[in-house]
Amino acid sequence: MSASYPADAWHTFYGRGVWPTGECGDDGVMIEGADRRSYAALSCYLREERQERGLPEDADVKRPRVRRFHTECGCTPEQHAKHDQNGAGVCEDCKHWGLPPCEPELYSWSPELAGINEPGLPVLWVDW
């Protein structure tokens, strides 16, 4: 698990990283933080990247939550060796499927909601 936001932000507005979600931002957007600057970054992203003056009608602004970011699948070396021996297309032992090293080209990070008293970082998540 990473103790920082993913490094591959597509945009930065008002000092906040912005990551479109889904293919080419079709699913929504995730924004670093959960304060006024984060909401300003959302407005700027909508205006400059989507040419919209406000949220789409079907937008669902999630309550700001703390998320944990994973950059590796979570398999042990033994599980990887077994996976490589079997030649299977998918490692069923992955805690965080789609991440390297099991899937080196699918995702670069994966967010999950952090539990109470678990470390994580606040994000503003918007689905549309």
Protein backbone atom coordinates (compact mmCIF):
# COMPACT_ATOMS: atom_id res chain seq x y z
CA MET A 1 0.00 0.00 0.00
CA SER A 2 1.22 3.46 -0.83
CA ALA A 3 1.18 6.23 1.78
CA SER A 4 0.82 8.85 -0.93
CA TYR A 5 -1.49 9.67 -3.78
CA PRO A 6 -0.80 7.93 -7.11
CA ALA A 7 1.98 9.71 -8.99
CA ASP A 8 0.34 9.55 -12.40
CA ALA A 9 -2.22 12.37 -12.07
CA TRP A 10 -3.58 13.34 -15.48
CA HIS A 11 -4.11 16.95 -14.41
CA THR A 12 -3.32 19.28 -11.55
CA PHE A 13 -5.66 22.16 -10.70
CA TYR A 14 -5.25 24.42 -7.67
CA GLY A 15 -2.46 22.16 -6.46
CA ARG A 16 -4.68 19.06 -6.41
CA GLY A 17 -4.08 15.94 -8.49
CA VAL A 18 -6.99 14.90 -10.70
CA TRP A 19 -7.48 11.36 -12.02
CA PRO A 20 -10.28 10.59 -14.48
CA THR A 21 -11.77 7.16 -13.72
CA GLY A 22 -12.86 4.56 -16.22
CA GLU A 23 -11.74 4.57 -19.81
CA CYS A 24 -10.87 8.14 -20.80
CA GLY A 25 -12.76 9.53 -17.81
CA ASP A 26 -16.09 7.97 -18.80
CA ASP A 27 -16.89 6.88 -15.23
CA GLY A 28 -16.04 10.04 -13.31
CA VAL A 29 -13.11 11.63 -11.54
CA MET A 30 -11.07 11.29 -8.35
CA ILE A 31 -9.50 14.39 -6.81
CA GLU A 32 -6.78 14.63 -4.17
CA GLY A 33 -8.03 15.92 -0.84
CA ALA A 34 -11.50 16.83 0.35
CA ASP A 35 -11.41 20.57 0.96
CA ARG A 36 -12.28 23.80 -0.88
CA ARG A 37 -9.30 23.46 -3.20
CA SER A 38 -10.46 19.97 -4.15
CA TYR A 39 -13.91 21.27 -5.10
CA ALA A 40 -12.26 24.14 -7.03
CA ALA A 41 -10.13 21.55 -8.87
CA LEU A 42 -13.34 19.66 -9.73
CA SER A 43 -14.90 22.84 -11.18
CA CYS A 44 -11.76 23.61 -13.16
CA TYR A 45 -11.56 20.05 -14.50
CA LEU A 46 -15.18 20.16 -15.63
CA ARG A 47 -14.73 23.54 -17.28
CA GLU A 48 -11.35 22.97 -18.97
CA GLU A 49 -11.37 19.26 -19.80
CA ARG A 50 -15.05 18.46 -20.29
CA GLN A 51 -16.27 21.90 -21.42
CA GLU A 52 -19.06 21.80 -18.84
CA ARG A 53 -20.11 24.65 -16.57
CA GLY A 54 -21.31 22.36 -13.83
CA LEU A 55 -21.72 18.75 -12.86
CA PRO A 56 -23.47 16.49 -15.38
CA GLU A 57 -27.09 15.74 -14.42
CA ASP A 58 -26.27 12.13 -13.58
CA ALA A 59 -23.24 13.04 -11.42
CA ASP A 60 -23.00 11.48 -7.98
CA VAL A 61 -20.60 13.34 -5.69
CA LYS A 62 -19.58 10.84 -3.05
CA ARG A 63 -19.06 11.93 0.52
CA PRO A 64 -15.32 12.60 0.91
CA ARG A 65 -13.72 9.42 2.19
CA VAL A 66 -10.31 8.18 3.14
CA ARG A 67 -8.88 5.70 0.67
CA ARG A 68 -5.85 3.46 0.63
CA PHE A 69 -3.90 3.13 -2.61
CA HIS A 70 -2.29 -0.11 -3.72
CA THR A 71 0.35 -0.35 -6.41
CA GLU A 72 1.03 -4.10 -6.23
CA CYS A 73 -1.31 -7.07 -6.43
CA GLY A 74 -0.35 -8.45 -3.01
CA CYS A 75 0.64 -12.00 -4.00
CA THR A 76 3.52 -13.71 -2.28
CA PRO A 77 6.55 -14.88 -4.33
CA GLU A 78 5.31 -18.47 -3.89
CA GLN A 79 1.92 -17.57 -5.32
CA HIS A 80 3.60 -15.86 -8.29
CA ALA A 81 5.75 -18.94 -8.92
CA LYS A 82 2.65 -21.16 -8.86
CA HIS A 83 0.84 -18.74 -11.15
CA ASP A 84 3.74 -18.72 -13.63
CA GLN A 85 4.01 -22.53 -13.57
CA ASN A 86 0.34 -23.04 -14.35
CA GLY A 87 0.40 -20.54 -17.20
CA ALA A 88 -3.03 -19.32 -16.13
CA GLY A 89 -4.20 -15.99 -17.53
CA VAL A 90 -5.38 -14.69 -14.16
CA CYS A 91 -3.85 -15.09 -10.73
CA GLU A 92 -6.76 -15.98 -8.45
CA ASP A 93 -4.67 -15.35 -5.33
CA CYS A 94 -4.33 -11.61 -5.96
CA LYS A 95 -5.58 -9.41 -3.15
CA HIS A 96 -5.73 -6.49 -5.58
CA TRP A 97 -6.38 -7.95 -9.01
CA GLY A 98 -5.11 -6.10 -12.06
CA LEU A 99 -1.98 -4.67 -10.49
CA PRO A 100 1.69 -5.45 -11.12
CA PRO A 101 3.47 -7.78 -11.05
CA CYS A 102 0.64 -10.21 -11.94
CA GLU A 103 -0.93 -7.80 -14.42
CA PRO A 104 1.87 -5.35 -15.32
CA GLU A 105 -0.06 -3.50 -18.02
CA LEU A 106 -3.62 -3.31 -16.72
CA TYR A 107 -3.70 -0.84 -13.79
CA SER A 108 -1.03 1.23 -12.08
CA TRP A 109 -2.92 1.71 -8.79
CA SER A 110 -6.13 0.70 -7.08
CA PRO A 111 -8.09 2.60 -4.43
CA GLU A 112 -10.10 1.00 -1.65
CA LEU A 113 -11.99 2.60 1.18
CA ALA A 114 -9.98 2.67 4.38
CA GLY A 115 -11.60 1.31 7.50
CA ILE A 116 -11.98 3.22 10.73
CA ASN A 117 -8.57 3.97 12.24
CA GLU A 118 -6.77 2.65 9.13
CA PRO A 119 -4.21 4.86 7.40
CA GLY A 120 -5.27 6.44 4.16
CA LEU A 121 -5.68 9.68 2.27
CA PRO A 122 -8.82 11.79 1.72
CA VAL A 123 -10.25 11.99 -1.80
CA LEU A 124 -13.22 13.56 -3.51
CA TRP A 125 -14.81 10.92 -5.77
CA VAL A 126 -17.41 11.82 -8.41
CA ASP A 127 -19.23 9.26 -10.58
CA TRP A 128 -21.23 10.07 -13.70
